[in-house]
């Protein structure tokens, strides 16, 4: 019974390790997507400020 229990525990450890690695990969992808989205949002804001002539984000600059 002890050997069988050890195999079950080893299997669970491997499953948890796989989940952690896949979670780290997903976090990395999400961080990249967030960075890309922020850059797009800033470019859009600058274009909108230039076209409207308003300081939308109140940073003291237009564009």
PDB file of N, CA and C in Angstrom:
ATOM      1  N   UNK A   1       0.830  -1.203   0.000  1.00  0.00           N
ATOM      2  CA  UNK A   1       0.000   0.000   0.000  1.00  0.00           C
ATOM      3  C   UNK A   1       0.867   1.256   0.000  1.00  0.00           C
ATOM      4  N   UNK A   2       2.016   1.205   0.673  1.00  0.00           N
ATOM      5  CA  UNK A   2       2.886   2.369   0.757  1.00  0.00           C
ATOM      6  C   UNK A   2       3.407   2.803  -0.599  1.00  0.00           C
ATOM      7  N   UNK A   3       3.795   1.843  -1.444  1.00  0.00           N
ATOM      8  CA  UNK A   3       4.304   2.166  -2.776  1.00  0.00           C
ATOM      9  C   UNK A   3       3.205   2.804  -3.623  1.00  0.00           C
ATOM     10  N   UNK A   4       1.993   2.238  -3.532  1.00  0.00           N
ATOM     11  CA  UNK A   4       0.861   2.778  -4.281  1.00  0.00           C
ATOM     12  C   UNK A   4       0.574   4.222  -3.853  1.00  0.00           C
ATOM     13  N   UNK A   5       0.598   4.464  -2.554  1.00  0.00           N
ATOM     14  CA  UNK A   5       0.344   5.811  -2.029  1.00  0.00           C
ATOM     15  C   UNK A   5       1.420   6.782  -2.492  1.00  0.00           C
ATOM     16  N   UNK A   6       2.676   6.337  -2.508  1.00  0.00           N
ATOM     17  CA  UNK A   6       3.773   7.177  -3.001  1.00  0.00           C
ATOM     18  C   UNK A   6       3.570   7.550  -4.466  1.00  0.00           C
ATOM     19  N   UNK A   7       3.101   6.601  -5.267  1.00  0.00           N
ATOM     20  CA  UNK A   7       2.842   6.873  -6.689  1.00  0.00           C
ATOM     21  C   UNK A   7       1.729   7.908  -6.858  1.00  0.00           C
ATOM     22  N   UNK A   8       0.698   7.793  -6.055  1.00  0.00           N
ATOM     23  CA  UNK A   8      -0.404   8.764  -6.113  1.00  0.00           C
ATOM     24  C   UNK A   8       0.101  10.151  -5.738  1.00  0.00           C
ATOM     25  N   UNK A   9       0.893  10.234  -4.680  1.00  0.00           N
ATOM     26  CA  UNK A   9       1.419  11.529  -4.254  1.00  0.00           C
ATOM     27  C   UNK A   9       2.346  12.123  -5.311  1.00  0.00           C
ATOM     28  N   UNK A  10       3.177  11.286  -5.927  1.00  0.00           N
ATOM     29  CA  UNK A  10       4.074  11.768  -6.973  1.00  0.00           C
ATOM     30  C   UNK A  10       3.275  12.293  -8.155  1.00  0.00           C
ATOM     31  N   UNK A  11       2.214  11.592  -8.509  1.00  0.00           N
ATOM     32  CA  UNK A  11       1.355  12.032  -9.609  1.00  0.00           C
ATOM     33  C   UNK A  11       0.725  13.386  -9.296  1.00  0.00           C
ATOM     34  N   UNK A  12       0.260  13.557  -8.076  1.00  0.00           N
ATOM     35  CA  UNK A  12      -0.339  14.832  -7.672  1.00  0.00           C
ATOM     36  C   UNK A  12       0.688  15.957  -7.704  1.00  0.00           C
ATOM     37  N   UNK A  13       1.902  15.670  -7.272  1.00  0.00           N
ATOM     38  CA  UNK A  13       2.962  16.685  -7.319  1.00  0.00           C
ATOM     39  C   UNK A  13       3.254  17.103  -8.757  1.00  0.00           C
ATOM     40  N   UNK A  14       3.298  16.145  -9.665  1.00  0.00           N
ATOM     41  CA  UNK A  14       3.540  16.452 -11.079  1.00  0.00           C
ATOM     42  C   UNK A  14       2.396  17.288 -11.651  1.00  0.00           C
ATOM     43  N   UNK A  15       1.168  16.955 -11.274  1.00  0.00           N
ATOM     44  CA  UNK A  15       0.013  17.733 -11.746  1.00  0.00           C
ATOM     45  C   UNK A  15       0.097  19.174 -11.262  1.00  0.00           C
ATOM     46  N   UNK A  16       0.441  19.355  -9.994  1.00  0.00           N
ATOM     47  CA  UNK A  16       0.550  20.705  -9.444  1.00  0.00           C
ATOM     48  C   UNK A  16       1.666  21.487 -10.120  1.00  0.00           C
ATOM     49  N   UNK A  17       2.777  20.820 -10.395  1.00  0.00           N
ATOM     50  CA  UNK A  17       3.895  21.475 -11.076  1.00  0.00           C
ATOM     51  C   UNK A  17       3.465  21.929 -12.467  1.00  0.00           C
ATOM     52  N   UNK A  18       2.734  21.069 -13.182  1.00  0.00           N
ATOM     53  CA  UNK A  18       2.239  21.428 -14.512  1.00  0.00           C
ATOM     54  C   UNK A  18       1.293  22.609 -14.462  1.00  0.00           C
ATOM     55  N   UNK A  19       0.438  22.631 -13.454  1.00  0.00           N
ATOM     56  CA  UNK A  19      -0.492  23.753 -13.311  1.00  0.00           C
ATOM     57  C   UNK A  19       0.255  25.047 -13.034  1.00  0.00           C
ATOM     58  N   UNK A  20       1.272  24.971 -12.189  1.00  0.00           N
ATOM     59  CA  UNK A  20       2.043  26.176 -11.862  1.00  0.00           C
ATOM     60  C   UNK A  20       2.757  26.700 -13.101  1.00  0.00           C
ATOM     61  N   UNK A  21       3.354  25.802 -13.885  1.00  0.00           N
ATOM     62  CA  UNK A  21       4.052  26.235 -15.093  1.00  0.00           C
ATOM     63  C   UNK A  21       3.077  26.848 -16.089  1.00  0.00           C
ATOM     64  N   UNK A  22       1.914  26.215 -16.260  1.00  0.00           N
ATOM     65  CA  UNK A  22       0.954  26.763 -17.211  1.00  0.00           C
ATOM     66  C   UNK A  22       0.394  28.089 -16.698  1.00  0.00           C
ATOM     67  N   UNK A  23       0.263  28.235 -15.396  1.00  0.00           N
ATOM     68  CA  UNK A  23      -0.208  29.497 -14.827  1.00  0.00           C
ATOM     69  C   UNK A  23       0.816  30.596 -15.080  1.00  0.00           C
ATOM     70  N   UNK A  24       2.099  30.274 -14.905  1.00  0.00           N
ATOM     71  CA  UNK A  24       3.151  31.255 -15.170  1.00  0.00           C
ATOM     72  C   UNK A  24       3.141  31.675 -16.633  1.00  0.00           C
ATOM     73  N   UNK A  25       2.922  30.721 -17.530  1.00  0.00           N
ATOM     74  CA  UNK A  25       2.852  31.046 -18.956  1.00  0.00           C
ATOM     75  C   UNK A  25       1.658  31.952 -19.241  1.00  0.00           C
ATOM     76  N   UNK A  26       0.519  31.635 -18.635  1.00  0.00           N
ATOM     77  CA  UNK A  26      -0.676  32.454 -18.857  1.00  0.00           C
ATOM     78  C   UNK A  26      -0.472  33.864 -18.325  1.00  0.00           C
ATOM     79  N   UNK A  27       0.158  33.989 -17.167  1.00  0.00           N
ATOM     80  CA  UNK A  27       0.432  35.312 -16.600  1.00  0.00           C
ATOM     81  C   UNK A  27       1.344  36.097 -17.529  1.00  0.00           C
ATOM     82  N   UNK A  28       2.353  35.444 -18.086  1.00  0.00           N
ATOM     83  CA  UNK A  28       3.269  36.123 -19.009  1.00  0.00           C
ATOM     84  C   UNK A  28       2.527  36.622 -20.239  1.00  0.00           C
ATOM     85  N   UNK A  29       1.625  35.804 -20.777  1.00  0.00           N
ATOM     86  CA  UNK A  29       0.840  36.215 -21.945  1.00  0.00           C
ATOM     87  C   UNK A  29      -0.061  37.390 -21.585  1.00  0.00           C
ATOM     88  N   UNK A  30      -0.705  37.329 -20.437  1.00  0.00           N
ATOM     89  CA  UNK A  30      -1.589  38.416 -20.010  1.00  0.00           C
ATOM     90  C   UNK A  30      -0.820  39.712 -19.776  1.00  0.00           C
ATOM     91  N   UNK A  31       0.381  39.617 -19.221  1.00  0.00           N
ATOM     92  CA  UNK A  31       1.195  40.817 -19.019  1.00  0.00           C
ATOM     93  C   UNK A  31       1.568  41.447 -20.359  1.00  0.00           C
ATOM     94  N   UNK A  32       1.880  40.623 -21.349  1.00  0.00           N
ATOM     95  CA  UNK A  32       2.199  41.136 -22.681  1.00  0.00           C
ATOM     96  C   UNK A  32       0.980  41.804 -23.301  1.00  0.00           C
ATOM     97  N   UNK A  33      -0.182  41.152 -23.190  1.00  0.00           N
ATOM     98  CA  UNK A  33      -1.410  41.730 -23.729  1.00  0.00           C
ATOM     99  C   UNK A  33      -1.740  43.051 -23.038  1.00  0.00           C
ATOM    100  N   UNK A  34      -1.547  43.125 -21.731  1.00  0.00           N
ATOM    101  CA  UNK A  34      -1.815  44.357 -20.991  1.00  0.00           C
ATOM    102  C   UNK A  34      -0.911  45.479 -21.474  1.00  0.00           C
ATOM    103  N   UNK A  35       0.345  45.177 -21.659  1.00  0.00           N
ATOM    104  CA  UNK A  35       1.299  46.178 -22.139  1.00  0.00           C
ATOM    105  C   UNK A  35       0.899  46.697 -23.515  1.00  0.00           C
ATOM    106  N   UNK A  36       0.514  45.787 -24.398  1.00  0.00           N
ATOM    107  CA  UNK A  36       0.085  46.168 -25.745  1.00  0.00           C
ATOM    108  C   UNK A  36      -1.181  47.019 -25.691  1.00  0.00           C
ATOM    109  N   UNK A  37      -2.115  46.637 -24.832  1.00  0.00           N
ATOM    110  CA  UNK A  37      -3.367  47.383 -24.694  1.00  0.00           C
ATOM    111  C   UNK A  37      -3.118  48.786 -24.152  1.00  0.00           C
ATOM    112  N   UNK A  38      -2.225  48.906 -23.165  1.00  0.00           N
ATOM    113  CA  UNK A  38      -1.897  50.225 -22.618  1.00  0.00           C
ATOM    114  C   UNK A  38      -1.280  51.124 -23.685  1.00  0.00           C
ATOM    115  N   UNK A  39      -0.369  50.568 -24.481  1.00  0.00           N
ATOM    116  CA  UNK A  39       0.276  51.353 -25.530  1.00  0.00           C
ATOM    117  C   UNK A  39      -0.753  51.821 -26.550  1.00  0.00           C
ATOM    118  N   UNK A  40      -1.672  50.943 -26.927  1.00  0.00           N
ATOM    119  CA  UNK A  40      -2.723  51.313 -27.876  1.00  0.00           C
ATOM    120  C   UNK A  40      -3.624  52.389 -27.285  1.00  0.00           C
ATOM    121  N   UNK A  41      -3.966  52.265 -26.020  1.00  0.00           N
ATOM    122  CA  UNK A  41      -4.810  53.254 -25.353  1.00  0.00           C
ATOM    123  C   UNK A  41      -4.137  54.623 -25.331  1.00  0.00           C
ATOM    124  N   UNK A  42      -2.849  54.660 -25.038  1.00  0.00           N
ATOM    125  CA  UNK A  42      -2.126  55.938 -25.025  1.00  0.00           C
ATOM    126  C   UNK A  42      -2.067  56.567 -26.413  1.00  0.00           C
ATOM    127  N   UNK A  43      -1.798  55.740 -27.436  1.00  0.00           N
ATOM    128  CA  UNK A  43      -1.778  56.280 -28.807  1.00  0.00           C
ATOM    129  C   UNK A  43      -3.147  56.828 -29.192  1.00  0.00           C
ATOM    130  N   UNK A  44      -4.192  56.092 -28.822  1.00  0.00           N
ATOM    131  CA  UNK A  44      -5.554  56.539 -29.121  1.00  0.00           C
ATOM    132  C   UNK A  44      -5.863  57.846 -28.402  1.00  0.00           C
ATOM    133  N   UNK A  45      -5.453  57.949 -27.144  1.00  0.00           N
ATOM    134  CA  UNK A  45      -5.673  59.167 -26.373  1.00  0.00           C
ATOM    135  C   UNK A  45      -4.971  60.355 -27.014  1.00  0.00           C
ATOM    136  N   UNK A  46      -3.724  60.175 -27.438  1.00  0.00           N
ATOM    137  CA  UNK A  46      -2.975  61.272 -28.068  1.00  0.00           C
ATOM    138  C   UNK A  46      -3.644  61.724 -29.359  1.00  0.00           C
ATOM    139  N   UNK A  47      -4.095  60.773 -30.157  1.00  0.00           N
ATOM    140  CA  UNK A  47      -4.779  61.125 -31.405  1.00  0.00           C
ATOM    141  C   UNK A  47      -6.070  61.866 -31.101  1.00  0.00           C
ATOM    142  N   UNK A  48      -6.821  61.402 -30.118  1.00  0.00           N
ATOM    143  CA  UNK A  48      -8.081  62.044 -29.743  1.00  0.00           C
ATOM    144  C   UNK A  48      -7.838  63.453 -29.216  1.00  0.00           C
ATOM    145  N   UNK A  49      -6.803  63.626 -28.404  1.00  0.00           N
ATOM    146  CA  UNK A  49      -6.492  64.961 -27.893  1.00  0.00           C
ATOM    147  C   UNK A  49      -6.102  65.902 -29.030  1.00  0.00           C
ATOM    148  N   UNK A  50      -5.289  65.425 -29.954  1.00  0.00           N
ATOM    149  CA  UNK A  50      -4.877  66.274 -31.075  1.00  0.00           C
ATOM    150  C   UNK A  50      -6.066  66.662 -31.939  1.00  0.00           C
ATOM    151  N   UNK A  51      -6.948  65.714 -32.203  1.00  0.00           N
ATOM    152  CA  UNK A  51      -8.082  66.018 -33.081  1.00  0.00           C
ATOM    153  C   UNK A  51      -9.126  66.891 -32.396  1.00  0.00           C
ATOM    154  N   UNK A  52      -9.278  66.761 -31.070  1.00  0.00           N
ATOM    155  CA  UNK A  52     -10.291  67.552 -30.368  1.00  0.00           C
ATOM    156  C   UNK A  52      -9.726  68.860 -29.814  1.00  0.00           C
ATOM    157  N   UNK A  53      -8.403  68.914 -29.646  1.00  0.00           N
ATOM    158  CA  UNK A  53      -7.791  70.104 -29.070  1.00  0.00           C
ATOM    159  C   UNK A  53      -8.012  70.220 -27.572  1.00  0.00           C
ATOM    160  N   UNK A  54      -8.396  69.131 -26.930  1.00  0.00           N
ATOM    161  CA  UNK A  54      -8.661  69.127 -25.491  1.00  0.00           C
ATOM    162  C   UNK A  54      -7.616  68.295 -24.750  1.00  0.00           C
ATOM    163  N   UNK A  55      -7.354  68.681 -23.503  1.00  0.00           N
ATOM    164  CA  UNK A  55      -6.454  67.915 -22.644  1.00  0.00           C
ATOM    165  C   UNK A  55      -7.304  66.903 -21.879  1.00  0.00           C
ATOM    166  N   UNK A  56      -7.602  65.794 -22.503  1.00  0.00           N
ATOM    167  CA  UNK A  56      -8.544  64.821 -21.956  1.00  0.00           C
ATOM    168  C   UNK A  56      -8.025  64.172 -20.674  1.00  0.00           C
ATOM    169  N   UNK A  57      -6.748  63.814 -20.641  1.00  0.00           N
ATOM    170  CA  UNK A  57      -6.221  63.136 -19.458  1.00  0.00           C
ATOM    171  C   UNK A  57      -5.649  64.101 -18.422  1.00  0.00           C
ATOM    172  N   UNK A  58      -5.815  65.390 -18.659  1.00  0.00           N
ATOM    173  CA  UNK A  58      -5.431  66.448 -17.719  1.00  0.00           C
ATOM    174  C   UNK A  58      -3.969  66.348 -17.281  1.00  0.00           C
ATOM    175  N   UNK A  59      -3.078  66.099 -18.260  1.00  0.00           N
ATOM    176  CA  UNK A  59      -1.654  66.057 -17.949  1.00  0.00           C
ATOM    177  C   UNK A  59      -0.953  67.364 -18.305  1.00  0.00           C
ATOM    178  N   UNK A  60      -1.730  68.354 -18.717  1.00  0.00           N
ATOM    179  CA  UNK A  60      -1.164  69.655 -19.057  1.00  0.00           C
ATOM    180  C   UNK A  60      -0.686  69.764 -20.494  1.00  0.00           C
ATOM    181  N   UNK A  61      -0.864  68.705 -21.276  1.00  0.00           N
ATOM    182  CA  UNK A  61      -0.443  68.700 -22.675  1.00  0.00           C
ATOM    183  C   UNK A  61      -1.595  68.225 -23.547  1.00  0.00           C
ATOM    184  N   UNK A  62      -1.583  68.693 -24.774  1.00  0.00           N
ATOM    185  CA  UNK A  62      -2.542  68.192 -25.757  1.00  0.00           C
ATOM    186  C   UNK A  62      -1.754  67.355 -26.750  1.00  0.00           C
ATOM    187  N   UNK A  63      -2.079  66.098 -26.789  1.00  0.00           N
ATOM    188  CA  UNK A  63      -1.394  65.192 -27.728  1.00  0.00           C
ATOM    189  C   UNK A  63      -0.257  64.456 -27.133  1.00  0.00           C
TER     190      UNK A  63
END
